[in-house]
Amino acid sequence: MDHDTSRESVAREVECLCTIGAIAGRVAHEINNPLAGVHNSFRLVKDAIPQSHPHFAYVAAIERQIQRIAAVTRRFADTYSAEADSAVGVAVSAIVGGAVQMAVQAIGTGTPPVEILNAVHLPFPQAAGLLRHVLIPGFGAAIRAADPATSVTIDTRIPSGVLIVEVRYLAILSSHPPELDAHAQRLLAALGGTTELHTEGAQMTVLQVRIPFDRVAGETS
């Protein structure tokens, strides 16, 4: 892929992410306002029903579903943000940390601990959303597949002008290997990146995301 084609591809993907971000914000706003009204009204109904009532259990179930919808809407709005996704020069460490947080929040409780090693504080030369949305699916798949009694480690480094984000975890025997979804694969292709998946020993799975990284000669991470 030549430089001009790569630049055009990146620009298209940034524009796409910003459009998604704008839609996400609008959808979240349109859902959250009436949902807040529903929740407030429901609390009045809940307070009027004694716990001894035979249908009180349904009241609690309804409230849990309202809270679940609210949480999903918040995650949707947080994951896609036009302003955050279009920002250029964000530190790699901040993007990786944000992607881990979003992946963990999307899965919910019972996730293994995630340890980030060797944080790279250099600014990412492209829009932050491109890297963030490449990493979230891979991180999420690895966290879901990992043995909850162990930890997931994420190592970032830049040898020879290539950003490497490496995820290591001890896989549950029945789990499927982590894969990037079609959207993440398209973003990675726009960045000229690749993935590599291999195993070490019986169950250790290693996922690497590799992206060309322009850095000033002599800088260190």
N, C-alpha and C. Protein backbone atom coordinates (compact mmCIF):
# COMPACT_ATOMS: atom_id res chain seq x y z
N MET A 1 0.85 -1.19 0.00
CA MET A 1 0.00 0.00 0.00
C MET A 1 0.89 1.24 0.00
N ASP A 2 0.76 2.15 -1.04
CA ASP A 2 1.60 3.34 -1.09
C ASP A 2 1.11 4.37 -0.09
N HIS A 3 1.95 5.44 0.10
CA HIS A 3 1.68 6.42 1.15
C HIS A 3 0.35 7.14 0.94
N ASP A 4 0.07 7.57 -0.32
CA ASP A 4 -1.17 8.31 -0.59
C ASP A 4 -2.40 7.44 -0.35
N THR A 5 -2.33 6.19 -0.82
CA THR A 5 -3.46 5.28 -0.63
C THR A 5 -3.70 5.01 0.85
N SER A 6 -2.60 4.81 1.60
CA SER A 6 -2.71 4.57 3.03
C SER A 6 -3.32 5.77 3.73
N ARG A 7 -2.90 6.97 3.35
CA ARG A 7 -3.42 8.19 3.98
C ARG A 7 -4.91 8.35 3.70
N GLU A 8 -5.32 8.05 2.47
CA GLU A 8 -6.75 8.13 2.12
C GLU A 8 -7.56 7.09 2.89
N SER A 9 -7.01 5.89 3.03
CA SER A 9 -7.71 4.83 3.75
C SER A 9 -7.89 5.20 5.22
N VAL A 10 -6.84 5.76 5.83
CA VAL A 10 -6.92 6.20 7.22
C VAL A 10 -7.95 7.30 7.37
N ALA A 11 -7.94 8.26 6.44
CA ALA A 11 -8.89 9.38 6.50
C ALA A 11 -10.33 8.89 6.43
N ARG A 12 -10.59 7.89 5.57
CA ARG A 12 -11.93 7.33 5.44
C ARG A 12 -12.37 6.67 6.75
N GLU A 13 -11.45 5.92 7.36
CA GLU A 13 -11.81 5.22 8.59
C GLU A 13 -12.04 6.20 9.74
N VAL A 14 -11.24 7.27 9.80
CA VAL A 14 -11.44 8.29 10.84
C VAL A 14 -12.80 8.95 10.65
N GLU A 15 -13.13 9.26 9.40
CA GLU A 15 -14.44 9.88 9.12
C GLU A 15 -15.57 8.93 9.53
N CYS A 16 -15.38 7.64 9.25
CA CYS A 16 -16.39 6.64 9.61
C CYS A 16 -16.56 6.57 11.12
N LEU A 17 -15.44 6.55 11.86
CA LEU A 17 -15.50 6.50 13.31
C LEU A 17 -16.18 7.73 13.90
N CYS A 18 -15.87 8.90 13.32
CA CYS A 18 -16.48 10.13 13.81
C CYS A 18 -17.99 10.13 13.56
N THR A 19 -18.40 9.58 12.42
CA THR A 19 -19.84 9.48 12.13
C THR A 19 -20.52 8.55 13.13
N ILE A 20 -19.87 7.39 13.38
CA ILE A 20 -20.41 6.45 14.36
C ILE A 20 -20.49 7.12 15.73
N GLY A 21 -19.45 7.88 16.08
CA GLY A 21 -19.42 8.56 17.37
C GLY A 21 -20.56 9.56 17.52
N ALA A 22 -20.81 10.31 16.44
CA ALA A 22 -21.90 11.28 16.48
C ALA A 22 -23.25 10.59 16.62
N ILE A 23 -23.44 9.49 15.89
CA ILE A 23 -24.68 8.72 15.99
C ILE A 23 -24.83 8.13 17.38
N ALA A 24 -23.72 7.58 17.91
CA ALA A 24 -23.76 6.97 19.25
C ALA A 24 -24.18 7.98 20.30
N GLY A 25 -23.61 9.19 20.21
CA GLY A 25 -23.96 10.23 21.16
C GLY A 25 -25.42 10.61 21.07
N ARG A 26 -25.92 10.71 19.85
CA ARG A 26 -27.33 11.06 19.65
C ARG A 26 -28.26 9.96 20.17
N VAL A 27 -27.92 8.70 19.85
CA VAL A 27 -28.75 7.59 20.30
C VAL A 27 -28.75 7.50 21.82
N ALA A 28 -27.56 7.65 22.42
CA ALA A 28 -27.47 7.59 23.89
C ALA A 28 -28.31 8.68 24.52
N HIS A 29 -28.27 9.88 23.95
CA HIS A 29 -29.05 11.00 24.48
C HIS A 29 -30.55 10.72 24.37
N GLU A 30 -30.97 10.21 23.21
CA GLU A 30 -32.39 9.95 22.99
C GLU A 30 -32.92 8.82 23.88
N ILE A 31 -32.04 7.87 24.22
CA ILE A 31 -32.47 6.76 25.08
C ILE A 31 -32.40 7.15 26.56
N ASN A 32 -31.32 7.83 26.94
CA ASN A 32 -31.10 8.11 28.36
C ASN A 32 -32.17 9.02 28.96
N ASN A 33 -32.59 10.03 28.23
CA ASN A 33 -33.57 10.97 28.80
C ASN A 33 -34.89 10.28 29.15
N PRO A 34 -35.54 9.60 28.20
CA PRO A 34 -36.78 8.91 28.58
C PRO A 34 -36.54 7.77 29.57
N LEU A 35 -35.39 7.11 29.46
CA LEU A 35 -35.10 6.02 30.38
C LEU A 35 -34.99 6.53 31.82
N ALA A 36 -34.39 7.70 31.99
CA ALA A 36 -34.30 8.30 33.32
C ALA A 36 -35.69 8.60 33.86
N GLY A 37 -36.58 9.08 32.98
CA GLY A 37 -37.95 9.34 33.41
C GLY A 37 -38.67 8.06 33.80
N VAL A 38 -38.47 7.01 33.02
CA VAL A 38 -39.08 5.72 33.33
C VAL A 38 -38.58 5.20 34.68
N HIS A 39 -37.26 5.32 34.89
CA HIS A 39 -36.68 4.82 36.14
C HIS A 39 -37.20 5.60 37.35
N ASN A 40 -37.27 6.91 37.23
CA ASN A 40 -37.77 7.73 38.34
C ASN A 40 -39.23 7.40 38.66
N SER A 41 -40.04 7.24 37.61
CA SER A 41 -41.44 6.89 37.84
C SER A 41 -41.57 5.49 38.44
N PHE A 42 -40.71 4.59 37.96
CA PHE A 42 -40.77 3.23 38.46
C PHE A 42 -40.42 3.17 39.95
N ARG A 43 -39.48 4.02 40.38
CA ARG A 43 -39.11 4.03 41.80
C ARG A 43 -40.31 4.39 42.67
N LEU A 44 -41.16 5.30 42.18
CA LEU A 44 -42.36 5.65 42.93
C LEU A 44 -43.29 4.44 43.06
N VAL A 45 -43.41 3.70 41.95
CA VAL A 45 -44.24 2.49 41.98
C VAL A 45 -43.63 1.46 42.92
N LYS A 46 -42.32 1.29 42.85
CA LYS A 46 -41.63 0.31 43.70
C LYS A 46 -41.83 0.63 45.17
N ASP A 47 -41.72 1.93 45.51
CA ASP A 47 -41.86 2.32 46.92
C ASP A 47 -43.28 2.07 47.44
N ALA A 48 -44.24 2.00 46.53
CA ALA A 48 -45.63 1.81 46.95
C ALA A 48 -46.01 0.34 47.08
N ILE A 49 -45.08 -0.55 46.66
CA ILE A 49 -45.38 -1.98 46.74
C ILE A 49 -44.61 -2.59 47.91
N PRO A 50 -45.28 -3.14 48.88
CA PRO A 50 -44.58 -3.74 50.02
C PRO A 50 -43.80 -4.99 49.62
N GLN A 51 -42.73 -5.24 50.33
CA GLN A 51 -41.90 -6.41 50.02
C GLN A 51 -42.66 -7.72 50.25
N SER A 52 -43.70 -7.67 51.03
CA SER A 52 -44.50 -8.87 51.28
C SER A 52 -45.44 -9.21 50.14
N HIS A 53 -45.57 -8.30 49.18
CA HIS A 53 -46.47 -8.53 48.06
C HIS A 53 -45.96 -9.72 47.23
N PRO A 54 -46.82 -10.60 46.77
CA PRO A 54 -46.37 -11.80 46.04
C PRO A 54 -45.66 -11.49 44.72
N HIS A 55 -45.87 -10.28 44.18
CA HIS A 55 -45.24 -9.93 42.91
C HIS A 55 -44.05 -8.99 43.08
N PHE A 56 -43.59 -8.82 44.31
CA PHE A 56 -42.48 -7.89 44.55
C PHE A 56 -41.21 -8.32 43.81
N ALA A 57 -41.01 -9.62 43.63
CA ALA A 57 -39.82 -10.11 42.92
C ALA A 57 -39.78 -9.60 41.49
N TYR A 58 -40.94 -9.45 40.87
CA TYR A 58 -40.99 -8.91 39.50
C TYR A 58 -40.56 -7.45 39.48
N VAL A 59 -40.85 -6.73 40.54
CA VAL A 59 -40.45 -5.32 40.63
C VAL A 59 -38.93 -5.21 40.59
N ALA A 60 -38.26 -6.04 41.37
CA ALA A 60 -36.80 -6.03 41.39
C ALA A 60 -36.23 -6.42 40.03
N ALA A 61 -36.87 -7.38 39.38
CA ALA A 61 -36.39 -7.83 38.06
C ALA A 61 -36.51 -6.71 37.03
N ILE A 62 -37.62 -5.98 37.08
CA ILE A 62 -37.81 -4.86 36.14
C ILE A 62 -36.75 -3.79 36.37
N GLU A 63 -36.46 -3.49 37.62
CA GLU A 63 -35.45 -2.47 37.92
C GLU A 63 -34.08 -2.89 37.43
N ARG A 64 -33.75 -4.17 37.56
CA ARG A 64 -32.46 -4.66 37.06
C ARG A 64 -32.35 -4.48 35.56
N GLN A 65 -33.45 -4.72 34.84
CA GLN A 65 -33.42 -4.56 33.39
C GLN A 65 -33.28 -3.10 32.98
N ILE A 66 -33.92 -2.21 33.74
CA ILE A 66 -33.77 -0.77 33.47
C ILE A 66 -32.30 -0.36 33.66
N GLN A 67 -31.70 -0.83 34.73
CA GLN A 67 -30.30 -0.51 35.00
C GLN A 67 -29.38 -1.11 33.94
N ARG A 68 -29.75 -2.30 33.46
CA ARG A 68 -28.95 -2.97 32.43
C ARG A 68 -28.98 -2.16 31.13
N ILE A 69 -30.15 -1.69 30.73
CA ILE A 69 -30.25 -0.88 29.52
C ILE A 69 -29.46 0.41 29.67
N ALA A 70 -29.53 1.02 30.84
CA ALA A 70 -28.79 2.26 31.08
C ALA A 70 -27.28 2.01 30.97
N ALA A 71 -26.80 0.88 31.51
CA ALA A 71 -25.38 0.56 31.46
C ALA A 71 -24.92 0.31 30.02
N VAL A 72 -25.74 -0.41 29.26
CA VAL A 72 -25.39 -0.68 27.85
C VAL A 72 -25.32 0.62 27.06
N THR A 73 -26.25 1.51 27.30
CA THR A 73 -26.27 2.80 26.60
C THR A 73 -25.03 3.62 26.94
N ARG A 74 -24.65 3.63 28.21
CA ARG A 74 -23.45 4.37 28.62
C ARG A 74 -22.20 3.79 27.95
N ARG A 75 -22.11 2.45 27.93
CA ARG A 75 -20.94 1.83 27.29
C ARG A 75 -20.89 2.16 25.81
N PHE A 76 -22.04 2.15 25.16
CA PHE A 76 -22.10 2.46 23.74
C PHE A 76 -21.60 3.88 23.47
N ALA A 77 -22.06 4.83 24.30
CA ALA A 77 -21.65 6.22 24.12
C ALA A 77 -20.17 6.40 24.45
N ASP A 78 -19.69 5.68 25.48
CA ASP A 78 -18.28 5.81 25.87
C ASP A 78 -17.35 5.19 24.84
N THR A 79 -17.78 4.08 24.24
CA THR A 79 -16.93 3.38 23.28
C THR A 79 -16.74 4.18 22.00
N TYR A 80 -17.82 4.80 21.53
CA TYR A 80 -17.76 5.58 20.30
C TYR A 80 -17.96 7.05 20.62
N SER A 81 -16.88 7.80 20.53
CA SER A 81 -16.91 9.24 20.79
C SER A 81 -16.22 9.95 19.64
N ALA A 82 -16.93 10.81 18.93
CA ALA A 82 -16.35 11.50 17.78
C ALA A 82 -15.13 12.30 18.17
N GLU A 83 -15.21 12.98 19.31
CA GLU A 83 -14.09 13.82 19.75
C GLU A 83 -12.88 12.98 20.13
N ALA A 84 -13.12 11.91 20.93
CA ALA A 84 -12.00 11.08 21.38
C ALA A 84 -11.40 10.28 20.23
N ASP A 85 -12.24 9.78 19.32
CA ASP A 85 -11.73 8.94 18.24
C ASP A 85 -10.91 9.72 17.22
N SER A 86 -11.20 11.00 17.05
CA SER A 86 -10.48 11.80 16.04
C SER A 86 -9.23 12.45 16.59
N ALA A 87 -9.00 12.39 17.91
CA ALA A 87 -7.84 13.04 18.52
C ALA A 87 -6.54 12.41 18.03
N VAL A 88 -5.59 13.24 17.65
CA VAL A 88 -4.29 12.78 17.17
C VAL A 88 -3.23 13.14 18.21
N GLY A 89 -2.23 12.28 18.37
CA GLY A 89 -1.15 12.57 19.31
C GLY A 89 -1.42 12.10 20.73
N VAL A 90 -2.42 11.26 20.91
CA VAL A 90 -2.70 10.70 22.24
C VAL A 90 -1.65 9.63 22.55
N ALA A 91 -1.18 9.60 23.79
CA ALA A 91 -0.16 8.62 24.18
C ALA A 91 -0.67 7.20 23.98
N VAL A 92 0.21 6.35 23.47
CA VAL A 92 -0.15 4.95 23.25
C VAL A 92 -0.63 4.32 24.56
N SER A 93 0.05 4.64 25.66
CA SER A 93 -0.33 4.08 26.96
C SER A 93 -1.76 4.44 27.33
N ALA A 94 -2.18 5.67 27.02
CA ALA A 94 -3.55 6.10 27.33
C ALA A 94 -4.57 5.35 26.47
N ILE A 95 -4.23 5.13 25.20
CA ILE A 95 -5.14 4.41 24.30
C ILE A 95 -5.28 2.96 24.74
N VAL A 96 -4.15 2.32 25.06
CA VAL A 96 -4.17 0.92 25.50
C VAL A 96 -4.95 0.80 26.80
N GLY A 97 -4.69 1.69 27.75
CA GLY A 97 -5.39 1.64 29.03
C GLY A 97 -6.89 1.84 28.86
N GLY A 98 -7.28 2.78 27.98
CA GLY A 98 -8.70 3.00 27.73
C GLY A 98 -9.36 1.81 27.07
N ALA A 99 -8.64 1.16 26.16
CA ALA A 99 -9.19 -0.02 25.49
C ALA A 99 -9.39 -1.17 26.47
N VAL A 100 -8.45 -1.34 27.40
CA VAL A 100 -8.59 -2.38 28.42
C VAL A 100 -9.82 -2.10 29.28
N GLN A 101 -9.97 -0.85 29.71
CA GLN A 101 -11.10 -0.48 30.56
C GLN A 101 -12.43 -0.74 29.86
N MET A 102 -12.52 -0.37 28.58
CA MET A 102 -13.75 -0.58 27.84
C MET A 102 -14.04 -2.06 27.66
N ALA A 103 -13.01 -2.85 27.38
CA ALA A 103 -13.19 -4.30 27.20
C ALA A 103 -13.69 -4.94 28.49
N VAL A 104 -13.10 -4.57 29.61
CA VAL A 104 -13.49 -5.13 30.90
C VAL A 104 -14.93 -4.73 31.25
N GLN A 105 -15.27 -3.45 31.03
CA GLN A 105 -16.62 -2.98 31.33
C GLN A 105 -17.66 -3.70 30.48
N ALA A 106 -17.31 -3.97 29.22
CA ALA A 106 -18.27 -4.63 28.33
C ALA A 106 -18.55 -6.06 28.77
N ILE A 107 -17.55 -6.72 29.36
CA ILE A 107 -17.72 -8.11 29.79
C ILE A 107 -18.46 -8.18 31.11
N GLY A 108 -18.14 -7.25 32.01
CA GLY A 108 -18.82 -7.23 33.31
C GLY A 108 -18.01 -7.93 34.38
N THR A 109 -18.70 -8.53 35.35
CA THR A 109 -18.03 -9.11 36.51
C THR A 109 -17.38 -10.45 36.17
N GLY A 110 -16.48 -10.87 37.05
CA GLY A 110 -15.85 -12.18 36.91
C GLY A 110 -14.69 -12.23 35.95
N THR A 111 -14.15 -11.08 35.54
CA THR A 111 -13.03 -11.09 34.61
C THR A 111 -11.72 -11.25 35.37
N PRO A 112 -10.73 -11.90 34.75
CA PRO A 112 -9.42 -12.01 35.39
C PRO A 112 -8.73 -10.65 35.43
N PRO A 113 -7.79 -10.44 36.34
CA PRO A 113 -7.07 -9.16 36.37
C PRO A 113 -6.24 -8.97 35.11
N VAL A 114 -6.10 -7.71 34.69
CA VAL A 114 -5.32 -7.38 33.50
C VAL A 114 -4.14 -6.51 33.93
N GLU A 115 -2.95 -6.94 33.55
CA GLU A 115 -1.73 -6.22 33.91
C GLU A 115 -1.09 -5.65 32.65
N ILE A 116 -0.84 -4.34 32.64
CA ILE A 116 -0.20 -3.69 31.50
C ILE A 116 1.27 -3.50 31.80
N LEU A 117 2.11 -4.03 30.92
CA LEU A 117 3.56 -3.96 31.10
C LEU A 117 4.17 -2.95 30.12
N ASN A 118 5.29 -2.36 30.51
CA ASN A 118 6.10 -1.54 29.60
C ASN A 118 5.27 -0.53 28.82
N ALA A 119 4.57 0.35 29.52
CA ALA A 119 3.73 1.35 28.87
C ALA A 119 4.55 2.23 27.93
N VAL A 120 4.04 2.42 26.72
CA VAL A 120 4.67 3.30 25.74
C VAL A 120 3.98 4.66 25.81
N HIS A 121 4.73 5.69 26.19
CA HIS A 121 4.13 7.01 26.38
C HIS A 121 4.28 7.93 25.17
N LEU A 122 4.86 7.40 24.09
CA LEU A 122 4.96 8.20 22.86
C LEU A 122 3.58 8.44 22.27
N PRO A 123 3.37 9.58 21.60
CA PRO A 123 2.05 9.85 21.00
C PRO A 123 1.81 8.99 19.78
N PHE A 124 0.58 8.49 19.66
CA PHE A 124 0.22 7.71 18.48
C PHE A 124 0.03 8.68 17.32
N PRO A 125 0.70 8.44 16.18
CA PRO A 125 0.71 9.43 15.10
C PRO A 125 -0.58 9.54 14.30
N GLN A 126 -1.53 8.63 14.51
CA GLN A 126 -2.80 8.67 13.81
C GLN A 126 -3.93 8.94 14.81
N ALA A 127 -5.15 9.00 14.33
CA ALA A 127 -6.29 9.22 15.22
C ALA A 127 -6.38 8.10 16.25
N ALA A 128 -6.61 8.49 17.50
CA ALA A 128 -6.60 7.53 18.61
C ALA A 128 -7.65 6.43 18.42
N GLY A 129 -8.79 6.79 17.83
CA GLY A 129 -9.87 5.82 17.68
C GLY A 129 -9.50 4.63 16.80
N LEU A 130 -8.58 4.85 15.84
CA LEU A 130 -8.18 3.74 14.98
C LEU A 130 -7.53 2.63 15.80
N LEU A 131 -6.59 3.01 16.66
CA LEU A 131 -5.92 2.01 17.49
C LEU A 131 -6.86 1.47 18.55
N ARG A 132 -7.65 2.33 19.17
CA ARG A 132 -8.56 1.89 20.25
C ARG A 132 -9.51 0.81 19.77
N HIS A 133 -10.11 1.02 18.60
CA HIS A 133 -11.11 0.07 18.11
C HIS A 133 -10.50 -1.16 17.46
N VAL A 134 -9.20 -1.14 17.21
CA VAL A 134 -8.49 -2.36 16.84
C VAL A 134 -8.27 -3.22 18.08
N LEU A 135 -7.92 -2.57 19.19
CA LEU A 135 -7.53 -3.30 20.40
C LEU A 135 -8.69 -3.83 21.22
N ILE A 136 -9.80 -3.10 21.28
CA ILE A 136 -10.90 -3.50 22.16
C ILE A 136 -11.39 -4.93 21.87
N PRO A 137 -11.66 -5.30 20.62
CA PRO A 137 -12.14 -6.68 20.37
C PRO A 137 -11.11 -7.74 20.76
N GLY A 138 -9.83 -7.49 20.45
CA GLY A 138 -8.78 -8.45 20.81
C GLY A 138 -8.63 -8.60 22.30
N PHE A 139 -8.64 -7.46 23.02
CA PHE A 139 -8.55 -7.52 24.48
C PHE A 139 -9.76 -8.26 25.05
N GLY A 140 -10.94 -7.93 24.55
CA GLY A 140 -12.16 -8.55 25.06
C GLY A 140 -12.17 -10.05 24.86
N ALA A 141 -11.75 -10.49 23.66
CA ALA A 141 -11.73 -11.93 23.37
C ALA A 141 -10.74 -12.64 24.26
N ALA A 142 -9.59 -12.02 24.49
CA ALA A 142 -8.57 -12.64 25.35
C ALA A 142 -9.04 -12.74 26.79
N ILE A 143 -9.67 -11.68 27.30
CA ILE A 143 -10.15 -11.67 28.68
C ILE A 143 -11.23 -12.72 28.88
N ARG A 144 -12.13 -12.85 27.89
CA ARG A 144 -13.20 -13.85 28.00
C ARG A 144 -12.63 -15.28 27.94
N ALA A 145 -11.57 -15.46 27.17
CA ALA A 145 -11.02 -16.80 26.98
C ALA A 145 -10.06 -17.20 28.09
N ALA A 146 -9.58 -16.25 28.87
CA ALA A 146 -8.57 -16.53 29.89
C ALA A 146 -9.15 -17.25 31.09
N ASP A 147 -8.31 -18.06 31.70
CA ASP A 147 -8.67 -18.71 32.96
C ASP A 147 -8.85 -17.62 34.01
N PRO A 148 -10.03 -17.49 34.63
CA PRO A 148 -10.27 -16.40 35.59
C PRO A 148 -9.38 -16.47 36.82
N ALA A 149 -8.73 -17.62 37.06
CA ALA A 149 -7.84 -17.75 38.21
C ALA A 149 -6.44 -17.21 37.90
N THR A 150 -6.21 -16.81 36.65
CA THR A 150 -4.92 -16.28 36.25
C THR A 150 -5.08 -14.82 35.84
N SER A 151 -4.04 -14.21 35.31
CA SER A 151 -4.11 -12.83 34.86
C SER A 151 -3.79 -12.74 33.38
N VAL A 152 -4.28 -11.68 32.76
CA VAL A 152 -3.97 -11.36 31.36
C VAL A 152 -2.92 -10.26 31.37
N THR A 153 -1.84 -10.45 30.62
CA THR A 153 -0.80 -9.42 30.56
C THR A 153 -0.78 -8.80 29.17
N ILE A 154 -0.59 -7.49 29.15
CA ILE A 154 -0.52 -6.74 27.89
C ILE A 154 0.79 -5.97 27.87
N ASP A 155 1.61 -6.27 26.89
CA ASP A 155 2.94 -5.67 26.78
C ASP A 155 2.98 -4.80 25.52
N THR A 156 3.46 -3.58 25.63
CA THR A 156 3.59 -2.70 24.46
C THR A 156 5.05 -2.31 24.30
N ARG A 157 5.51 -2.31 23.05
CA ARG A 157 6.88 -1.91 22.77
C ARG A 157 6.98 -1.47 21.32
N ILE A 158 8.08 -0.77 20.98
CA ILE A 158 8.27 -0.28 19.61
C ILE A 158 9.68 -0.61 19.14
N PRO A 159 9.91 -1.85 18.72
CA PRO A 159 11.22 -2.19 18.16
C PRO A 159 11.24 -1.91 16.65
N SER A 160 12.28 -1.25 16.19
CA SER A 160 12.48 -1.03 14.75
C SER A 160 11.29 -0.36 14.07
N GLY A 161 10.70 0.63 14.73
CA GLY A 161 9.64 1.41 14.11
C GLY A 161 8.31 0.70 13.97
N VAL A 162 8.08 -0.37 14.72
CA VAL A 162 6.81 -1.09 14.67
C VAL A 162 6.23 -1.15 16.09
N LEU A 163 5.00 -0.66 16.24
CA LEU A 163 4.32 -0.77 17.52
C LEU A 163 3.79 -2.19 17.67
N ILE A 164 4.18 -2.85 18.75
CA ILE A 164 3.69 -4.20 19.03
C ILE A 164 2.89 -4.16 20.33
N VAL A 165 1.65 -4.58 20.25
CA VAL A 165 0.82 -4.76 21.44
C VAL A 165 0.60 -6.26 21.58
N GLU A 166 1.15 -6.82 22.64
CA GLU A 166 1.13 -8.27 22.83
C GLU A 166 0.28 -8.65 24.03
N VAL A 167 -0.67 -9.55 23.81
CA VAL A 167 -1.57 -10.03 24.86
C VAL A 167 -1.23 -11.49 25.15
N ARG A 168 -1.01 -11.77 26.43
CA ARG A 168 -0.70 -13.14 26.85
C ARG A 168 -1.70 -13.59 27.91
N TYR A 169 -2.19 -14.80 27.77
CA TYR A 169 -3.11 -15.32 28.78
C TYR A 169 -3.11 -16.84 28.74
N LEU A 170 -3.45 -17.42 29.89
CA LEU A 170 -3.59 -18.86 29.99
C LEU A 170 -5.02 -19.22 29.63
N ALA A 171 -5.19 -19.92 28.53
CA ALA A 171 -6.52 -20.16 27.99
C ALA A 171 -7.23 -21.29 28.69
N ILE A 172 -8.55 -21.14 28.81
CA ILE A 172 -9.39 -22.25 29.24
C ILE A 172 -9.45 -23.24 28.08
N LEU A 173 -9.44 -24.51 28.37
CA LEU A 173 -9.37 -25.54 27.31
C LEU A 173 -10.49 -25.41 26.30
N SER A 174 -11.69 -25.02 26.74
CA SER A 174 -12.84 -24.98 25.84
C SER A 174 -12.96 -23.66 25.08
N SER A 175 -12.04 -22.71 25.32
CA SER A 175 -12.18 -21.39 24.73
C SER A 175 -11.70 -21.37 23.28
N HIS A 176 -12.22 -20.39 22.53
CA HIS A 176 -11.79 -20.20 21.15
C HIS A 176 -10.68 -19.15 21.12
N PRO A 177 -9.75 -19.23 20.16
CA PRO A 177 -8.68 -18.24 20.09
C PRO A 177 -9.25 -16.85 19.79
N PRO A 178 -8.64 -15.78 20.32
CA PRO A 178 -9.16 -14.43 20.11
C PRO A 178 -9.02 -14.01 18.65
N GLU A 179 -10.01 -13.34 18.15
CA GLU A 179 -9.99 -12.86 16.78
C GLU A 179 -10.51 -11.42 16.75
N LEU A 180 -9.99 -10.63 15.81
CA LEU A 180 -10.51 -9.29 15.61
C LEU A 180 -11.76 -9.39 14.73
N ASP A 181 -12.78 -8.60 15.05
CA ASP A 181 -13.97 -8.60 14.21
C ASP A 181 -13.68 -7.88 12.90
N ALA A 182 -14.64 -7.90 11.99
CA ALA A 182 -14.43 -7.34 10.65
C ALA A 182 -14.11 -5.85 10.71
N HIS A 183 -14.77 -5.14 11.61
CA HIS A 183 -14.53 -3.70 11.75
C HIS A 183 -13.09 -3.44 12.20
N ALA A 184 -12.63 -4.17 13.21
CA ALA A 184 -11.26 -4.00 13.70
C ALA A 184 -10.23 -4.39 12.63
N GLN A 185 -10.52 -5.44 11.87
CA GLN A 185 -9.61 -5.86 10.81
C GLN A 185 -9.48 -4.79 9.73
N ARG A 186 -10.61 -4.13 9.42
CA ARG A 186 -10.57 -3.06 8.41
C ARG A 186 -9.73 -1.87 8.90
N LEU A 187 -9.89 -1.52 10.17
CA LEU A 187 -9.10 -0.43 10.74
C LEU A 187 -7.62 -0.78 10.76
N LEU A 188 -7.33 -2.03 11.13
CA LEU A 188 -5.93 -2.46 11.18
C LEU A 188 -5.31 -2.43 9.79
N ALA A 189 -6.08 -2.84 8.78
CA ALA A 189 -5.57 -2.80 7.41
C ALA A 189 -5.29 -1.37 6.96
N ALA A 190 -6.15 -0.43 7.39
CA ALA A 190 -5.93 0.98 7.03
C ALA A 190 -4.64 1.50 7.64
N LEU A 191 -4.27 0.98 8.79
CA LEU A 191 -3.03 1.39 9.46
C LEU A 191 -1.82 0.62 8.95
N GLY A 192 -2.04 -0.32 8.04
CA GLY A 192 -0.95 -1.13 7.51
C GLY A 192 -0.47 -2.17 8.50
N GLY A 193 -1.33 -2.55 9.45
CA GLY A 193 -0.93 -3.47 10.51
C GLY A 193 -1.30 -4.91 10.23
N THR A 194 -0.82 -5.78 11.09
CA THR A 194 -1.08 -7.21 10.98
C THR A 194 -1.28 -7.79 12.39
N THR A 195 -1.80 -9.01 12.44
CA THR A 195 -1.89 -9.73 13.72
C THR A 195 -1.17 -11.06 13.60
N GLU A 196 -0.74 -11.56 14.74
CA GLU A 196 -0.09 -12.87 14.80
C GLU A 196 -0.59 -13.57 16.05
N LEU A 197 -1.00 -14.81 15.91
CA LEU A 197 -1.51 -15.59 17.03
C LEU A 197 -0.75 -16.90 17.11
N HIS A 198 -0.21 -17.19 18.29
CA HIS A 198 0.46 -18.47 18.47
C HIS A 198 0.33 -18.92 19.93
N THR A 199 0.68 -20.15 20.18
CA THR A 199 0.62 -20.69 21.53
C THR A 199 2.02 -21.04 22.01
N GLU A 200 2.19 -20.97 23.31
CA GLU A 200 3.45 -21.36 23.94
C GLU A 200 3.12 -22.38 25.03
N GLY A 201 3.73 -23.53 24.94
CA GLY A 201 3.42 -24.58 25.90
C GLY A 201 2.04 -25.14 25.65
N ALA A 202 1.42 -25.62 26.71
CA ALA A 202 0.14 -26.31 26.56
C ALA A 202 -1.03 -25.36 26.35
N GLN A 203 -1.08 -24.25 27.11
CA GLN A 203 -2.26 -23.41 27.07
C GLN A 203 -1.99 -21.92 26.94
N MET A 204 -0.74 -21.47 27.01
CA MET A 204 -0.45 -20.05 26.92
C MET A 204 -0.70 -19.54 25.50
N THR A 205 -1.61 -18.60 25.36
CA THR A 205 -1.93 -18.02 24.05
C THR A 205 -1.34 -16.62 23.97
N VAL A 206 -0.77 -16.30 22.82
CA VAL A 206 -0.14 -15.00 22.61
C VAL A 206 -0.73 -14.37 21.35
N LEU A 207 -1.33 -13.19 21.51
CA LEU A 207 -1.85 -12.43 20.38
C LEU A 207 -1.03 -11.16 20.23
N GLN A 208 -0.50 -10.95 19.04
CA GLN A 208 0.28 -9.74 18.76
C GLN A 208 -0.41 -8.90 17.70
N VAL A 209 -0.53 -7.61 17.97
CA VAL A 209 -0.98 -6.64 16.98
C VAL A 209 0.23 -5.79 16.62
N ARG A 210 0.55 -5.73 15.33
CA ARG A 210 1.74 -5.00 14.86
C ARG A 210 1.31 -3.88 13.92
N ILE A 211 1.76 -2.67 14.22
CA ILE A 211 1.38 -1.49 13.42
C ILE A 211 2.61 -0.64 13.16
N PRO A 212 2.90 -0.28 11.90
CA PRO A 212 4.01 0.63 11.63
C PRO A 212 3.87 1.92 12.43
N PHE A 213 4.98 2.36 13.03
CA PHE A 213 4.93 3.49 13.93
C PHE A 213 6.06 4.46 13.58
N ASP A 214 5.69 5.66 13.14
CA ASP A 214 6.69 6.68 12.82
C ASP A 214 7.16 7.34 14.11
N ARG A 215 8.44 7.27 14.35
CA ARG A 215 8.99 7.88 15.56
C ARG A 215 10.28 8.60 15.21
N VAL A 216 10.59 9.62 15.98
CA VAL A 216 11.79 10.40 15.74
C VAL A 216 13.01 9.60 16.19
N ALA A 217 14.04 9.56 15.35
CA ALA A 217 15.24 8.80 15.68
C ALA A 217 15.83 9.28 17.01
N GLY A 218 16.15 8.32 17.84
CA GLY A 218 16.77 8.65 19.12
C GLY A 218 15.80 8.72 20.25
N GLU A 219 14.45 8.76 20.00
CA GLU A 219 13.47 8.77 21.07
C GLU A 219 13.38 7.39 21.70
N THR A 220 13.02 7.36 22.95
CA THR A 220 12.81 6.09 23.63
C THR A 220 11.43 6.06 24.21
N SER A 221 10.90 4.86 24.36
CA SER A 221 9.55 4.71 24.91
C SER A 221 9.60 4.73 26.42
